[in-house]
Amino acid sequence: MSSEELILSQVQELRRGTVVLACLALLREPQYGYALLETLNDAGIVVEGNTLYPLLRRLEKQGLLVSEWNTEESRPRKFYRVSDEGSRVRAELVREWDGLAASMARLTKESR
């Protein structure tokens, strides 16, 4: 495996967990999958549809998201939003993220 491939693989691992937190943060307001995908990508959290849609279904199955279909437009769309339990989980994940980010900032500062 080349150095570039190794880095890409490790970056993918880093991003994997952040997508869950990003979705929980963004879905305070209902959004449909494609709009969420665009918002994530615009924010620099690159994720593909074949990763996002199964994640949304998994989070819904875990009770962290709720969804409903909007059939009023010409094309039906499934909108997702964070459930009450998802809001509690998001708050705890944000606390954990803040602690990890502070720790990583110290560690990486020391290693430069």
N, C-alpha and C. Protein backbone atom coordinates (compact mmCIF):
# COMPACT_ATOMS: atom_id res chain seq x y z
N MET A 1 0.85 -1.18 0.00
CA MET A 1 0.00 0.00 0.00
C MET A 1 0.90 1.24 0.00
N SER A 2 0.60 2.16 -0.89
CA SER A 2 1.41 3.37 -0.96
C SER A 2 1.11 4.29 0.22
N SER A 3 1.98 5.23 0.43
CA SER A 3 1.81 6.21 1.51
C SER A 3 0.51 7.00 1.33
N GLU A 4 0.23 7.39 0.10
CA GLU A 4 -1.00 8.14 -0.18
C GLU A 4 -2.24 7.30 0.10
N GLU A 5 -2.21 6.03 -0.27
CA GLU A 5 -3.34 5.15 0.00
C GLU A 5 -3.53 4.93 1.49
N LEU A 6 -2.44 4.81 2.20
CA LEU A 6 -2.50 4.64 3.65
C LEU A 6 -3.10 5.87 4.32
N ILE A 7 -2.67 7.04 3.89
CA ILE A 7 -3.21 8.29 4.45
C ILE A 7 -4.70 8.39 4.15
N LEU A 8 -5.09 8.10 2.92
CA LEU A 8 -6.50 8.17 2.53
C LEU A 8 -7.33 7.21 3.39
N SER A 9 -6.83 6.04 3.62
CA SER A 9 -7.52 5.06 4.44
C SER A 9 -7.70 5.57 5.88
N GLN A 10 -6.66 6.16 6.43
CA GLN A 10 -6.73 6.68 7.79
C GLN A 10 -7.65 7.90 7.89
N VAL A 11 -7.65 8.73 6.87
CA VAL A 11 -8.56 9.88 6.85
C VAL A 11 -10.00 9.39 6.82
N GLN A 12 -10.26 8.36 6.06
CA GLN A 12 -11.60 7.77 6.00
C GLN A 12 -12.03 7.30 7.38
N GLU A 13 -11.13 6.66 8.11
CA GLU A 13 -11.44 6.20 9.46
C GLU A 13 -11.76 7.37 10.39
N LEU A 14 -10.98 8.45 10.27
CA LEU A 14 -11.24 9.63 11.10
C LEU A 14 -12.62 10.21 10.81
N ARG A 15 -12.98 10.28 9.57
CA ARG A 15 -14.25 10.90 9.17
C ARG A 15 -15.46 10.05 9.51
N ARG A 16 -15.29 8.75 9.54
CA ARG A 16 -16.42 7.84 9.74
C ARG A 16 -17.24 8.21 10.97
N GLY A 17 -16.61 8.41 12.09
CA GLY A 17 -17.33 8.75 13.31
C GLY A 17 -17.87 10.16 13.31
N THR A 18 -17.22 11.04 12.59
CA THR A 18 -17.67 12.43 12.60
C THR A 18 -18.96 12.61 11.81
N VAL A 19 -19.25 11.74 10.88
CA VAL A 19 -20.47 11.86 10.08
C VAL A 19 -21.70 11.68 10.96
N VAL A 20 -21.65 10.77 11.91
CA VAL A 20 -22.78 10.57 12.83
C VAL A 20 -23.05 11.85 13.59
N LEU A 21 -22.02 12.41 14.20
CA LEU A 21 -22.20 13.64 14.97
C LEU A 21 -22.66 14.78 14.08
N ALA A 22 -22.11 14.88 12.90
CA ALA A 22 -22.52 15.94 11.97
C ALA A 22 -24.00 15.82 11.60
N CYS A 23 -24.45 14.61 11.35
CA CYS A 23 -25.87 14.39 11.02
C CYS A 23 -26.76 14.77 12.20
N LEU A 24 -26.39 14.34 13.39
CA LEU A 24 -27.19 14.69 14.56
C LEU A 24 -27.21 16.19 14.79
N ALA A 25 -26.12 16.87 14.47
CA ALA A 25 -26.06 18.32 14.63
C ALA A 25 -26.91 19.02 13.58
N LEU A 26 -26.83 18.57 12.34
CA LEU A 26 -27.54 19.24 11.25
C LEU A 26 -29.04 18.96 11.22
N LEU A 27 -29.43 17.82 11.74
CA LEU A 27 -30.83 17.42 11.63
C LEU A 27 -31.69 17.93 12.79
N ARG A 28 -31.25 19.00 13.42
CA ARG A 28 -32.15 19.69 14.35
C ARG A 28 -33.36 20.18 13.58
N GLU A 29 -33.10 20.59 12.34
CA GLU A 29 -34.16 20.99 11.42
C GLU A 29 -34.33 19.86 10.41
N PRO A 30 -35.57 19.51 10.08
CA PRO A 30 -35.79 18.41 9.12
C PRO A 30 -35.13 18.68 7.77
N GLN A 31 -34.51 17.66 7.24
CA GLN A 31 -33.90 17.72 5.91
C GLN A 31 -34.10 16.37 5.24
N TYR A 32 -34.15 16.39 3.94
CA TYR A 32 -34.17 15.12 3.22
C TYR A 32 -32.73 14.75 2.89
N GLY A 33 -32.53 13.49 2.57
CA GLY A 33 -31.19 12.93 2.43
C GLY A 33 -30.27 13.68 1.49
N TYR A 34 -30.75 14.02 0.30
CA TYR A 34 -29.86 14.66 -0.67
C TYR A 34 -29.44 16.04 -0.19
N ALA A 35 -30.36 16.80 0.40
CA ALA A 35 -30.01 18.13 0.93
C ALA A 35 -28.98 18.00 2.05
N LEU A 36 -29.14 16.99 2.89
CA LEU A 36 -28.17 16.74 3.96
C LEU A 36 -26.81 16.40 3.37
N LEU A 37 -26.81 15.58 2.35
CA LEU A 37 -25.57 15.20 1.67
C LEU A 37 -24.84 16.43 1.14
N GLU A 38 -25.57 17.32 0.50
CA GLU A 38 -24.97 18.55 -0.02
C GLU A 38 -24.46 19.45 1.11
N THR A 39 -25.22 19.56 2.18
CA THR A 39 -24.81 20.39 3.31
C THR A 39 -23.53 19.85 3.93
N LEU A 40 -23.46 18.55 4.12
CA LEU A 40 -22.25 17.93 4.66
C LEU A 40 -21.05 18.19 3.75
N ASN A 41 -21.22 17.94 2.46
CA ASN A 41 -20.12 18.13 1.52
C ASN A 41 -19.68 19.58 1.46
N ASP A 42 -20.65 20.51 1.48
CA ASP A 42 -20.31 21.93 1.47
C ASP A 42 -19.54 22.34 2.73
N ALA A 43 -19.81 21.63 3.83
CA ALA A 43 -19.13 21.92 5.09
C ALA A 43 -17.75 21.26 5.17
N GLY A 44 -17.38 20.49 4.14
CA GLY A 44 -16.08 19.83 4.13
C GLY A 44 -16.10 18.43 4.71
N ILE A 45 -17.27 17.93 5.02
CA ILE A 45 -17.41 16.56 5.50
C ILE A 45 -17.87 15.74 4.31
N VAL A 46 -16.90 15.20 3.59
CA VAL A 46 -17.18 14.51 2.33
C VAL A 46 -17.74 13.13 2.64
N VAL A 47 -18.93 12.89 2.15
CA VAL A 47 -19.60 11.60 2.34
C VAL A 47 -20.39 11.30 1.07
N GLU A 48 -20.47 10.04 0.74
CA GLU A 48 -21.20 9.63 -0.46
C GLU A 48 -22.58 9.12 -0.06
N GLY A 49 -23.48 9.18 -1.01
CA GLY A 49 -24.85 8.72 -0.76
C GLY A 49 -24.92 7.28 -0.31
N ASN A 50 -24.06 6.42 -0.87
CA ASN A 50 -24.11 5.01 -0.49
C ASN A 50 -23.58 4.78 0.93
N THR A 51 -23.04 5.83 1.54
CA THR A 51 -22.65 5.78 2.95
C THR A 51 -23.71 6.46 3.81
N LEU A 52 -24.22 7.60 3.34
CA LEU A 52 -25.14 8.40 4.15
C LEU A 52 -26.50 7.73 4.33
N TYR A 53 -27.09 7.23 3.26
CA TYR A 53 -28.45 6.69 3.38
C TYR A 53 -28.54 5.49 4.32
N PRO A 54 -27.62 4.53 4.25
CA PRO A 54 -27.66 3.45 5.25
C PRO A 54 -27.44 3.98 6.68
N LEU A 55 -26.60 4.99 6.82
CA LEU A 55 -26.37 5.59 8.14
C LEU A 55 -27.66 6.21 8.67
N LEU A 56 -28.38 6.93 7.84
CA LEU A 56 -29.64 7.54 8.27
C LEU A 56 -30.64 6.46 8.70
N ARG A 57 -30.72 5.38 7.95
CA ARG A 57 -31.62 4.29 8.33
C ARG A 57 -31.19 3.65 9.65
N ARG A 58 -29.89 3.49 9.83
CA ARG A 58 -29.39 2.91 11.08
C ARG A 58 -29.70 3.82 12.26
N LEU A 59 -29.46 5.12 12.12
CA LEU A 59 -29.74 6.06 13.20
C LEU A 59 -31.23 6.11 13.53
N GLU A 60 -32.06 5.97 12.50
CA GLU A 60 -33.50 5.92 12.73
C GLU A 60 -33.87 4.65 13.49
N LYS A 61 -33.30 3.53 13.09
CA LYS A 61 -33.58 2.26 13.76
C LYS A 61 -33.13 2.29 15.22
N GLN A 62 -32.06 3.03 15.50
CA GLN A 62 -31.55 3.17 16.87
C GLN A 62 -32.38 4.17 17.68
N GLY A 63 -33.32 4.84 17.05
CA GLY A 63 -34.17 5.80 17.75
C GLY A 63 -33.59 7.19 17.86
N LEU A 64 -32.50 7.46 17.13
CA LEU A 64 -31.85 8.77 17.21
C LEU A 64 -32.43 9.75 16.20
N LEU A 65 -33.07 9.23 15.16
CA LEU A 65 -33.73 10.06 14.16
C LEU A 65 -35.16 9.59 13.99
N VAL A 66 -36.01 10.50 13.55
CA VAL A 66 -37.36 10.14 13.11
C VAL A 66 -37.49 10.66 11.68
N SER A 67 -38.39 10.05 10.93
CA SER A 67 -38.56 10.46 9.54
C SER A 67 -40.02 10.51 9.20
N GLU A 68 -40.30 11.27 8.16
CA GLU A 68 -41.64 11.27 7.59
C GLU A 68 -41.53 11.62 6.11
N TRP A 69 -42.47 11.10 5.37
CA TRP A 69 -42.49 11.35 3.93
C TRP A 69 -43.27 12.61 3.65
N ASN A 70 -42.74 13.44 2.77
CA ASN A 70 -43.45 14.60 2.25
C ASN A 70 -43.89 14.24 0.84
N THR A 71 -45.18 14.06 0.66
CA THR A 71 -45.70 13.67 -0.66
C THR A 71 -46.45 14.83 -1.32
N GLU A 72 -46.32 16.02 -0.75
CA GLU A 72 -47.03 17.18 -1.30
C GLU A 72 -46.37 17.70 -2.58
N GLU A 73 -45.09 17.46 -2.74
CA GLU A 73 -44.39 17.91 -3.94
C GLU A 73 -44.50 16.84 -5.02
N SER A 74 -44.06 17.17 -6.22
CA SER A 74 -44.17 16.22 -7.32
C SER A 74 -43.35 14.96 -7.08
N ARG A 75 -42.28 15.11 -6.31
CA ARG A 75 -41.40 13.97 -6.02
C ARG A 75 -41.40 13.74 -4.50
N PRO A 76 -41.91 12.60 -4.03
CA PRO A 76 -41.93 12.34 -2.58
C PRO A 76 -40.51 12.31 -2.01
N ARG A 77 -40.37 12.90 -0.84
CA ARG A 77 -39.06 12.92 -0.18
C ARG A 77 -39.22 12.53 1.28
N LYS A 78 -38.25 11.79 1.75
CA LYS A 78 -38.24 11.39 3.15
C LYS A 78 -37.40 12.38 3.93
N PHE A 79 -38.02 13.03 4.90
CA PHE A 79 -37.34 14.01 5.73
C PHE A 79 -36.96 13.38 7.05
N TYR A 80 -35.76 13.68 7.49
CA TYR A 80 -35.25 13.18 8.77
C TYR A 80 -35.06 14.35 9.73
N ARG A 81 -35.26 14.07 11.01
CA ARG A 81 -34.90 15.03 12.05
C ARG A 81 -34.50 14.25 13.29
N VAL A 82 -33.79 14.93 14.18
CA VAL A 82 -33.31 14.29 15.40
C VAL A 82 -34.48 14.07 16.35
N SER A 83 -34.53 12.90 16.96
CA SER A 83 -35.52 12.60 17.99
C SER A 83 -35.08 13.20 19.32
N ASP A 84 -35.92 13.12 20.31
CA ASP A 84 -35.54 13.59 21.64
C ASP A 84 -34.33 12.82 22.15
N GLU A 85 -34.34 11.50 21.95
CA GLU A 85 -33.19 10.69 22.36
C GLU A 85 -31.95 11.07 21.56
N GLY A 86 -32.12 11.35 20.27
CA GLY A 86 -31.01 11.79 19.44
C GLY A 86 -30.42 13.10 19.93
N SER A 87 -31.26 13.99 20.42
CA SER A 87 -30.77 15.26 20.98
C SER A 87 -29.93 15.01 22.23
N ARG A 88 -30.37 14.10 23.07
CA ARG A 88 -29.59 13.77 24.28
C ARG A 88 -28.25 13.13 23.90
N VAL A 89 -28.29 12.21 22.94
CA VAL A 89 -27.06 11.56 22.49
C VAL A 89 -26.13 12.60 21.85
N ARG A 90 -26.69 13.48 21.03
CA ARG A 90 -25.88 14.53 20.39
C ARG A 90 -25.16 15.38 21.44
N ALA A 91 -25.86 15.79 22.48
CA ALA A 91 -25.26 16.62 23.51
C ALA A 91 -24.08 15.90 24.17
N GLU A 92 -24.24 14.62 24.43
CA GLU A 92 -23.16 13.85 25.05
C GLU A 92 -22.00 13.67 24.07
N LEU A 93 -22.31 13.42 22.81
CA LEU A 93 -21.25 13.27 21.81
C LEU A 93 -20.48 14.58 21.61
N VAL A 94 -21.18 15.70 21.68
CA VAL A 94 -20.50 16.99 21.55
C VAL A 94 -19.55 17.20 22.72
N ARG A 95 -19.99 16.85 23.93
CA ARG A 95 -19.08 16.96 25.10
C ARG A 95 -17.85 16.07 24.90
N GLU A 96 -18.08 14.87 24.44
CA GLU A 96 -16.97 13.93 24.19
C GLU A 96 -16.05 14.49 23.10
N TRP A 97 -16.65 15.00 22.02
CA TRP A 97 -15.87 15.58 20.91
C TRP A 97 -15.00 16.72 21.41
N ASP A 98 -15.58 17.62 22.19
CA ASP A 98 -14.83 18.76 22.71
C ASP A 98 -13.62 18.30 23.52
N GLY A 99 -13.82 17.29 24.36
CA GLY A 99 -12.71 16.75 25.15
C GLY A 99 -11.64 16.12 24.28
N LEU A 100 -12.07 15.33 23.31
CA LEU A 100 -11.12 14.69 22.40
C LEU A 100 -10.36 15.72 21.57
N ALA A 101 -11.07 16.73 21.09
CA ALA A 101 -10.43 17.77 20.27
C ALA A 101 -9.38 18.51 21.09
N ALA A 102 -9.70 18.82 22.35
CA ALA A 102 -8.73 19.51 23.21
C ALA A 102 -7.52 18.62 23.46
N SER A 103 -7.76 17.34 23.72
CA SER A 103 -6.65 16.41 23.95
C SER A 103 -5.78 16.27 22.70
N MET A 104 -6.42 16.13 21.55
CA MET A 104 -5.67 15.99 20.31
C MET A 104 -4.89 17.26 19.99
N ALA A 105 -5.47 18.41 20.29
CA ALA A 105 -4.76 19.67 20.05
C ALA A 105 -3.49 19.73 20.89
N ARG A 106 -3.60 19.29 22.15
CA ARG A 106 -2.40 19.26 23.00
C ARG A 106 -1.37 18.26 22.48
N LEU A 107 -1.82 17.08 22.12
CA LEU A 107 -0.90 16.05 21.64
C LEU A 107 -0.22 16.44 20.35
N THR A 108 -0.97 16.98 19.42
CA THR A 108 -0.38 17.32 18.13
C THR A 108 0.50 18.56 18.25
N LYS A 109 0.19 19.45 19.16
CA LYS A 109 1.03 20.63 19.40
C LYS A 109 2.39 20.18 19.95
N GLU A 110 2.33 19.20 20.85
CA GLU A 110 3.57 18.70 21.46
C GLU A 110 4.43 17.93 20.46
N SER A 111 3.81 17.35 19.44
CA SER A 111 4.57 16.52 18.51
C SER A 111 5.09 17.29 17.29
N ARG A 112 4.80 18.56 17.23
CA ARG A 112 5.24 19.36 16.05
C ARG A 112 6.66 19.80 16.20
